Amino acid sequence: MTDNKTWMPMVAGILDIIAGCWGLILALIFIFIGGIMRFVPDIPPYLFPIFTALALPFAIVGILAIVGGIYALQRKIWGLALAGSIAAFFPCWILGIAAIVFTALSKNEFE
């Protein structure tokens, strides 16, 4: 790790964590809406499993983005920090693109 530390890994980590939290919130919203749909008689019954199936990828991507953000803040394991930034793209693309760019540009600052 070099001595010249920039702000980029810290900002990338924060953006990853924010996008990851948004992914987890989206997963909870999908589960909640799917649960409500289950008990409404006029809504087709096949929508409940669809909303539940949509929740799982958002939860996985959210967790990966949060873990990658933590590693970016610590400036450790650049590959995992980059994977977290890529995962952050899916719940919130604008934060994800910025996080990918900042993580990629600061590769030499990671252990």
N, C-alpha and C. Protein backbone atom coordinates (compact mmCIF):
# COMPACT_ATOMS: atom_id res chain seq x y z
N MET A 1 0.85 -1.18 0.00
CA MET A 1 0.00 0.00 0.00
C MET A 1 0.89 1.24 0.00
N THR A 2 0.55 2.19 -0.81
CA THR A 2 1.34 3.41 -0.89
C THR A 2 0.94 4.38 0.21
N ASP A 3 1.80 5.38 0.41
CA ASP A 3 1.53 6.35 1.46
C ASP A 3 0.57 7.44 1.03
N ASN A 4 0.45 7.68 -0.28
CA ASN A 4 -0.44 8.76 -0.73
C ASN A 4 -1.86 8.23 -0.82
N LYS A 5 -2.65 8.55 0.17
CA LYS A 5 -4.04 8.11 0.21
C LYS A 5 -4.92 9.21 -0.35
N THR A 6 -5.82 8.81 -1.22
CA THR A 6 -6.75 9.78 -1.79
C THR A 6 -8.13 9.54 -1.19
N TRP A 7 -9.06 10.36 -1.58
CA TRP A 7 -10.43 10.28 -1.09
C TRP A 7 -11.25 9.25 -1.85
N MET A 8 -10.73 8.76 -2.97
CA MET A 8 -11.55 7.90 -3.85
C MET A 8 -12.01 6.59 -3.22
N PRO A 9 -11.16 5.82 -2.54
CA PRO A 9 -11.68 4.58 -1.94
C PRO A 9 -12.71 4.83 -0.85
N MET A 10 -12.54 5.91 -0.11
CA MET A 10 -13.50 6.23 0.94
C MET A 10 -14.86 6.58 0.34
N VAL A 11 -14.87 7.40 -0.71
CA VAL A 11 -16.12 7.77 -1.36
C VAL A 11 -16.75 6.55 -2.02
N ALA A 12 -15.93 5.71 -2.66
CA ALA A 12 -16.46 4.49 -3.28
C ALA A 12 -17.10 3.58 -2.23
N GLY A 13 -16.46 3.44 -1.08
CA GLY A 13 -17.02 2.61 -0.02
C GLY A 13 -18.33 3.15 0.50
N ILE A 14 -18.41 4.46 0.68
CA ILE A 14 -19.65 5.07 1.15
C ILE A 14 -20.76 4.87 0.12
N LEU A 15 -20.44 5.09 -1.16
CA LEU A 15 -21.45 4.89 -2.21
C LEU A 15 -21.90 3.43 -2.28
N ASP A 16 -20.96 2.50 -2.11
CA ASP A 16 -21.31 1.07 -2.08
C ASP A 16 -22.27 0.76 -0.95
N ILE A 17 -21.99 1.29 0.22
CA ILE A 17 -22.83 1.00 1.38
C ILE A 17 -24.22 1.60 1.20
N ILE A 18 -24.29 2.81 0.67
CA ILE A 18 -25.59 3.44 0.43
C ILE A 18 -26.40 2.64 -0.58
N ALA A 19 -25.75 2.25 -1.70
CA ALA A 19 -26.46 1.47 -2.72
C ALA A 19 -26.84 0.09 -2.18
N GLY A 20 -25.98 -0.51 -1.36
CA GLY A 20 -26.30 -1.80 -0.77
C GLY A 20 -27.49 -1.73 0.18
N CYS A 21 -27.55 -0.67 0.95
CA CYS A 21 -28.71 -0.49 1.83
C CYS A 21 -29.97 -0.28 1.00
N TRP A 22 -29.86 0.44 -0.09
CA TRP A 22 -31.01 0.63 -0.97
C TRP A 22 -31.45 -0.72 -1.55
N GLY A 23 -30.50 -1.58 -1.90
CA GLY A 23 -30.84 -2.92 -2.40
C GLY A 23 -31.58 -3.75 -1.36
N LEU A 24 -31.15 -3.66 -0.10
CA LEU A 24 -31.84 -4.39 0.96
C LEU A 24 -33.23 -3.82 1.21
N ILE A 25 -33.37 -2.51 1.11
CA ILE A 25 -34.69 -1.89 1.26
C ILE A 25 -35.61 -2.33 0.14
N LEU A 26 -35.09 -2.38 -1.09
CA LEU A 26 -35.90 -2.86 -2.22
C LEU A 26 -36.33 -4.31 -2.02
N ALA A 27 -35.44 -5.13 -1.48
CA ALA A 27 -35.80 -6.52 -1.22
C ALA A 27 -36.94 -6.60 -0.21
N LEU A 28 -36.86 -5.80 0.83
CA LEU A 28 -37.94 -5.80 1.83
C LEU A 28 -39.25 -5.28 1.23
N ILE A 29 -39.16 -4.30 0.35
CA ILE A 29 -40.36 -3.78 -0.29
C ILE A 29 -41.00 -4.85 -1.17
N PHE A 30 -40.17 -5.57 -1.92
CA PHE A 30 -40.71 -6.65 -2.77
C PHE A 30 -41.38 -7.73 -1.93
N ILE A 31 -40.76 -8.10 -0.81
CA ILE A 31 -41.36 -9.11 0.06
C ILE A 31 -42.67 -8.59 0.65
N PHE A 32 -42.67 -7.34 1.07
CA PHE A 32 -43.88 -6.75 1.66
C PHE A 32 -45.02 -6.68 0.64
N ILE A 33 -44.72 -6.20 -0.57
CA ILE A 33 -45.76 -6.11 -1.60
C ILE A 33 -46.25 -7.50 -1.99
N GLY A 34 -45.32 -8.44 -2.10
CA GLY A 34 -45.73 -9.81 -2.41
C GLY A 34 -46.60 -10.41 -1.33
N GLY A 35 -46.29 -10.11 -0.09
CA GLY A 35 -47.11 -10.60 1.02
C GLY A 35 -48.50 -10.00 1.03
N ILE A 36 -48.59 -8.73 0.70
CA ILE A 36 -49.91 -8.09 0.63
C ILE A 36 -50.71 -8.67 -0.53
N MET A 37 -50.04 -8.87 -1.67
CA MET A 37 -50.73 -9.41 -2.85
C MET A 37 -51.30 -10.81 -2.60
N ARG A 38 -50.68 -11.52 -1.72
CA ARG A 38 -51.11 -12.88 -1.43
C ARG A 38 -52.52 -12.92 -0.86
N PHE A 39 -52.91 -11.88 -0.16
CA PHE A 39 -54.20 -11.88 0.52
C PHE A 39 -55.26 -11.04 -0.18
N VAL A 40 -54.93 -10.44 -1.30
CA VAL A 40 -55.91 -9.67 -2.06
C VAL A 40 -56.55 -10.62 -3.07
N PRO A 41 -57.86 -10.78 -3.03
CA PRO A 41 -58.50 -11.82 -3.85
C PRO A 41 -58.48 -11.55 -5.36
N ASP A 42 -58.44 -10.31 -5.81
CA ASP A 42 -58.53 -10.03 -7.23
C ASP A 42 -57.19 -10.11 -7.95
N ILE A 43 -56.10 -10.25 -7.23
CA ILE A 43 -54.77 -10.30 -7.84
C ILE A 43 -54.41 -11.77 -8.11
N PRO A 44 -53.87 -12.06 -9.30
CA PRO A 44 -53.52 -13.45 -9.62
C PRO A 44 -52.51 -14.02 -8.62
N PRO A 45 -52.65 -15.29 -8.27
CA PRO A 45 -51.78 -15.88 -7.24
C PRO A 45 -50.33 -16.06 -7.67
N TYR A 46 -50.05 -16.02 -8.98
CA TYR A 46 -48.67 -16.22 -9.42
C TYR A 46 -47.78 -14.99 -9.19
N LEU A 47 -48.34 -13.86 -8.82
CA LEU A 47 -47.53 -12.68 -8.57
C LEU A 47 -46.74 -12.75 -7.27
N PHE A 48 -47.26 -13.47 -6.27
CA PHE A 48 -46.55 -13.59 -4.99
C PHE A 48 -45.17 -14.24 -5.18
N PRO A 49 -45.06 -15.39 -5.87
CA PRO A 49 -43.72 -15.95 -6.03
C PRO A 49 -42.80 -15.09 -6.91
N ILE A 50 -43.38 -14.35 -7.84
CA ILE A 50 -42.55 -13.48 -8.68
C ILE A 50 -41.92 -12.38 -7.84
N PHE A 51 -42.71 -11.74 -6.99
CA PHE A 51 -42.17 -10.68 -6.14
C PHE A 51 -41.18 -11.24 -5.13
N THR A 52 -41.43 -12.43 -4.63
CA THR A 52 -40.49 -13.05 -3.70
C THR A 52 -39.19 -13.41 -4.41
N ALA A 53 -39.30 -13.88 -5.64
CA ALA A 53 -38.10 -14.21 -6.41
C ALA A 53 -37.30 -12.96 -6.77
N LEU A 54 -37.96 -11.84 -6.94
CA LEU A 54 -37.25 -10.59 -7.21
C LEU A 54 -36.52 -10.07 -5.97
N ALA A 55 -37.01 -10.40 -4.81
CA ALA A 55 -36.41 -9.91 -3.57
C ALA A 55 -35.04 -10.55 -3.32
N LEU A 56 -34.89 -11.81 -3.65
CA LEU A 56 -33.64 -12.53 -3.36
C LEU A 56 -32.43 -11.92 -4.06
N PRO A 57 -32.47 -11.66 -5.38
CA PRO A 57 -31.29 -11.05 -6.00
C PRO A 57 -30.95 -9.67 -5.43
N PHE A 58 -31.96 -8.88 -5.12
CA PHE A 58 -31.69 -7.56 -4.55
C PHE A 58 -31.04 -7.69 -3.18
N ALA A 59 -31.45 -8.68 -2.39
CA ALA A 59 -30.84 -8.89 -1.08
C ALA A 59 -29.38 -9.34 -1.23
N ILE A 60 -29.12 -10.25 -2.15
CA ILE A 60 -27.75 -10.73 -2.35
C ILE A 60 -26.84 -9.62 -2.84
N VAL A 61 -27.33 -8.86 -3.82
CA VAL A 61 -26.55 -7.75 -4.37
C VAL A 61 -26.32 -6.68 -3.30
N GLY A 62 -27.33 -6.42 -2.48
CA GLY A 62 -27.19 -5.43 -1.42
C GLY A 62 -26.14 -5.84 -0.39
N ILE A 63 -26.15 -7.10 -0.01
CA ILE A 63 -25.16 -7.58 0.96
C ILE A 63 -23.76 -7.52 0.37
N LEU A 64 -23.61 -7.93 -0.90
CA LEU A 64 -22.30 -7.88 -1.56
C LEU A 64 -21.80 -6.44 -1.68
N ALA A 65 -22.69 -5.52 -1.99
CA ALA A 65 -22.28 -4.12 -2.09
C ALA A 65 -21.84 -3.56 -0.73
N ILE A 66 -22.53 -3.93 0.33
CA ILE A 66 -22.15 -3.46 1.66
C ILE A 66 -20.80 -4.03 2.08
N VAL A 67 -20.60 -5.32 1.83
CA VAL A 67 -19.31 -5.94 2.18
C VAL A 67 -18.18 -5.32 1.36
N GLY A 68 -18.42 -5.12 0.06
CA GLY A 68 -17.41 -4.47 -0.77
C GLY A 68 -17.13 -3.05 -0.33
N GLY A 69 -18.16 -2.35 0.11
CA GLY A 69 -17.96 -0.99 0.62
C GLY A 69 -17.12 -0.95 1.88
N ILE A 70 -17.32 -1.93 2.74
CA ILE A 70 -16.51 -2.00 3.96
C ILE A 70 -15.04 -2.24 3.61
N TYR A 71 -14.79 -3.14 2.66
CA TYR A 71 -13.41 -3.40 2.25
C TYR A 71 -12.80 -2.20 1.53
N ALA A 72 -13.61 -1.45 0.80
CA ALA A 72 -13.10 -0.24 0.16
C ALA A 72 -12.73 0.81 1.20
N LEU A 73 -13.53 0.94 2.24
CA LEU A 73 -13.20 1.89 3.31
C LEU A 73 -11.91 1.49 4.03
N GLN A 74 -11.69 0.19 4.17
CA GLN A 74 -10.48 -0.29 4.82
C GLN A 74 -9.28 -0.35 3.89
N ARG A 75 -9.52 -0.16 2.59
CA ARG A 75 -8.49 -0.27 1.54
C ARG A 75 -7.84 -1.64 1.55
N LYS A 76 -8.66 -2.67 1.65
CA LYS A 76 -8.19 -4.06 1.62
C LYS A 76 -8.95 -4.83 0.54
N ILE A 77 -8.32 -5.82 -0.02
CA ILE A 77 -8.88 -6.75 -1.01
C ILE A 77 -9.59 -5.97 -2.13
N TRP A 78 -8.78 -5.44 -3.04
CA TRP A 78 -9.30 -4.62 -4.12
C TRP A 78 -10.35 -5.35 -4.96
N GLY A 79 -10.15 -6.64 -5.20
CA GLY A 79 -11.10 -7.40 -6.00
C GLY A 79 -12.48 -7.46 -5.37
N LEU A 80 -12.53 -7.64 -4.07
CA LEU A 80 -13.82 -7.66 -3.38
C LEU A 80 -14.45 -6.27 -3.33
N ALA A 81 -13.63 -5.25 -3.19
CA ALA A 81 -14.15 -3.89 -3.21
C ALA A 81 -14.72 -3.56 -4.59
N LEU A 82 -14.05 -4.02 -5.66
CA LEU A 82 -14.55 -3.80 -7.01
C LEU A 82 -15.82 -4.60 -7.25
N ALA A 83 -15.88 -5.83 -6.75
CA ALA A 83 -17.10 -6.63 -6.88
C ALA A 83 -18.27 -5.96 -6.16
N GLY A 84 -18.00 -5.37 -5.01
CA GLY A 84 -19.04 -4.64 -4.29
C GLY A 84 -19.50 -3.42 -5.06
N SER A 85 -18.57 -2.75 -5.74
CA SER A 85 -18.95 -1.59 -6.55
C SER A 85 -19.79 -2.00 -7.75
N ILE A 86 -19.43 -3.12 -8.36
CA ILE A 86 -20.23 -3.63 -9.48
C ILE A 86 -21.61 -4.04 -9.00
N ALA A 87 -21.67 -4.66 -7.83
CA ALA A 87 -22.98 -5.04 -7.27
C ALA A 87 -23.80 -3.81 -6.93
N ALA A 88 -23.16 -2.72 -6.54
CA ALA A 88 -23.87 -1.49 -6.21
C ALA A 88 -24.54 -0.88 -7.42
N PHE A 89 -24.10 -1.26 -8.61
CA PHE A 89 -24.69 -0.74 -9.85
C PHE A 89 -26.15 -1.15 -10.00
N PHE A 90 -26.50 -2.34 -9.55
CA PHE A 90 -27.84 -2.88 -9.81
C PHE A 90 -28.95 -2.21 -9.00
N PRO A 91 -28.80 -1.96 -7.72
CA PRO A 91 -29.89 -1.25 -7.03
C PRO A 91 -29.94 0.24 -7.37
N CYS A 92 -28.79 0.84 -7.61
CA CYS A 92 -28.75 2.29 -7.89
C CYS A 92 -27.62 2.55 -8.88
N TRP A 93 -27.95 2.65 -10.14
CA TRP A 93 -26.92 2.67 -11.18
C TRP A 93 -26.01 3.89 -11.10
N ILE A 94 -26.53 5.03 -10.72
CA ILE A 94 -25.67 6.22 -10.71
C ILE A 94 -24.63 6.14 -9.60
N LEU A 95 -25.01 5.64 -8.44
CA LEU A 95 -24.03 5.44 -7.37
C LEU A 95 -23.05 4.33 -7.73
N GLY A 96 -23.56 3.29 -8.39
CA GLY A 96 -22.71 2.17 -8.78
C GLY A 96 -21.65 2.56 -9.78
N ILE A 97 -22.02 3.36 -10.78
CA ILE A 97 -21.03 3.79 -11.77
C ILE A 97 -19.94 4.62 -11.11
N ALA A 98 -20.32 5.54 -10.25
CA ALA A 98 -19.32 6.35 -9.56
C ALA A 98 -18.43 5.48 -8.68
N ALA A 99 -19.01 4.51 -7.99
CA ALA A 99 -18.22 3.64 -7.12
C ALA A 99 -17.26 2.78 -7.93
N ILE A 100 -17.70 2.28 -9.08
CA ILE A 100 -16.81 1.48 -9.94
C ILE A 100 -15.63 2.32 -10.40
N VAL A 101 -15.90 3.53 -10.85
CA VAL A 101 -14.83 4.40 -11.33
C VAL A 101 -13.84 4.72 -10.21
N PHE A 102 -14.34 5.11 -9.05
CA PHE A 102 -13.45 5.46 -7.95
C PHE A 102 -12.65 4.26 -7.46
N THR A 103 -13.26 3.09 -7.42
CA THR A 103 -12.54 1.89 -6.98
C THR A 103 -11.48 1.50 -7.99
N ALA A 104 -11.82 1.56 -9.27
CA ALA A 104 -10.85 1.20 -10.30
C ALA A 104 -9.67 2.17 -10.34
N LEU A 105 -9.93 3.45 -10.17
CA LEU A 105 -8.85 4.44 -10.22
C LEU A 105 -7.94 4.39 -9.00
N SER A 106 -8.42 3.83 -7.91
CA SER A 106 -7.61 3.80 -6.69
C SER A 106 -7.06 2.42 -6.39
N LYS A 107 -6.84 1.61 -7.41
CA LYS A 107 -6.37 0.23 -7.22
C LYS A 107 -5.05 0.17 -6.46
N ASN A 108 -4.15 1.10 -6.73
CA ASN A 108 -2.83 1.04 -6.09
C ASN A 108 -2.84 1.42 -4.60
N GLU A 109 -3.97 1.84 -4.08
CA GLU A 109 -4.05 2.18 -2.66
C GLU A 109 -4.48 1.00 -1.78
N PHE A 110 -4.83 -0.13 -2.40
CA PHE A 110 -5.31 -1.30 -1.65
C PHE A 110 -4.14 -2.22 -1.32
N GLU A 111 -4.31 -2.95 -0.23
CA GLU A 111 -3.28 -3.92 0.19
C GLU A 111 -3.34 -5.15 -0.68
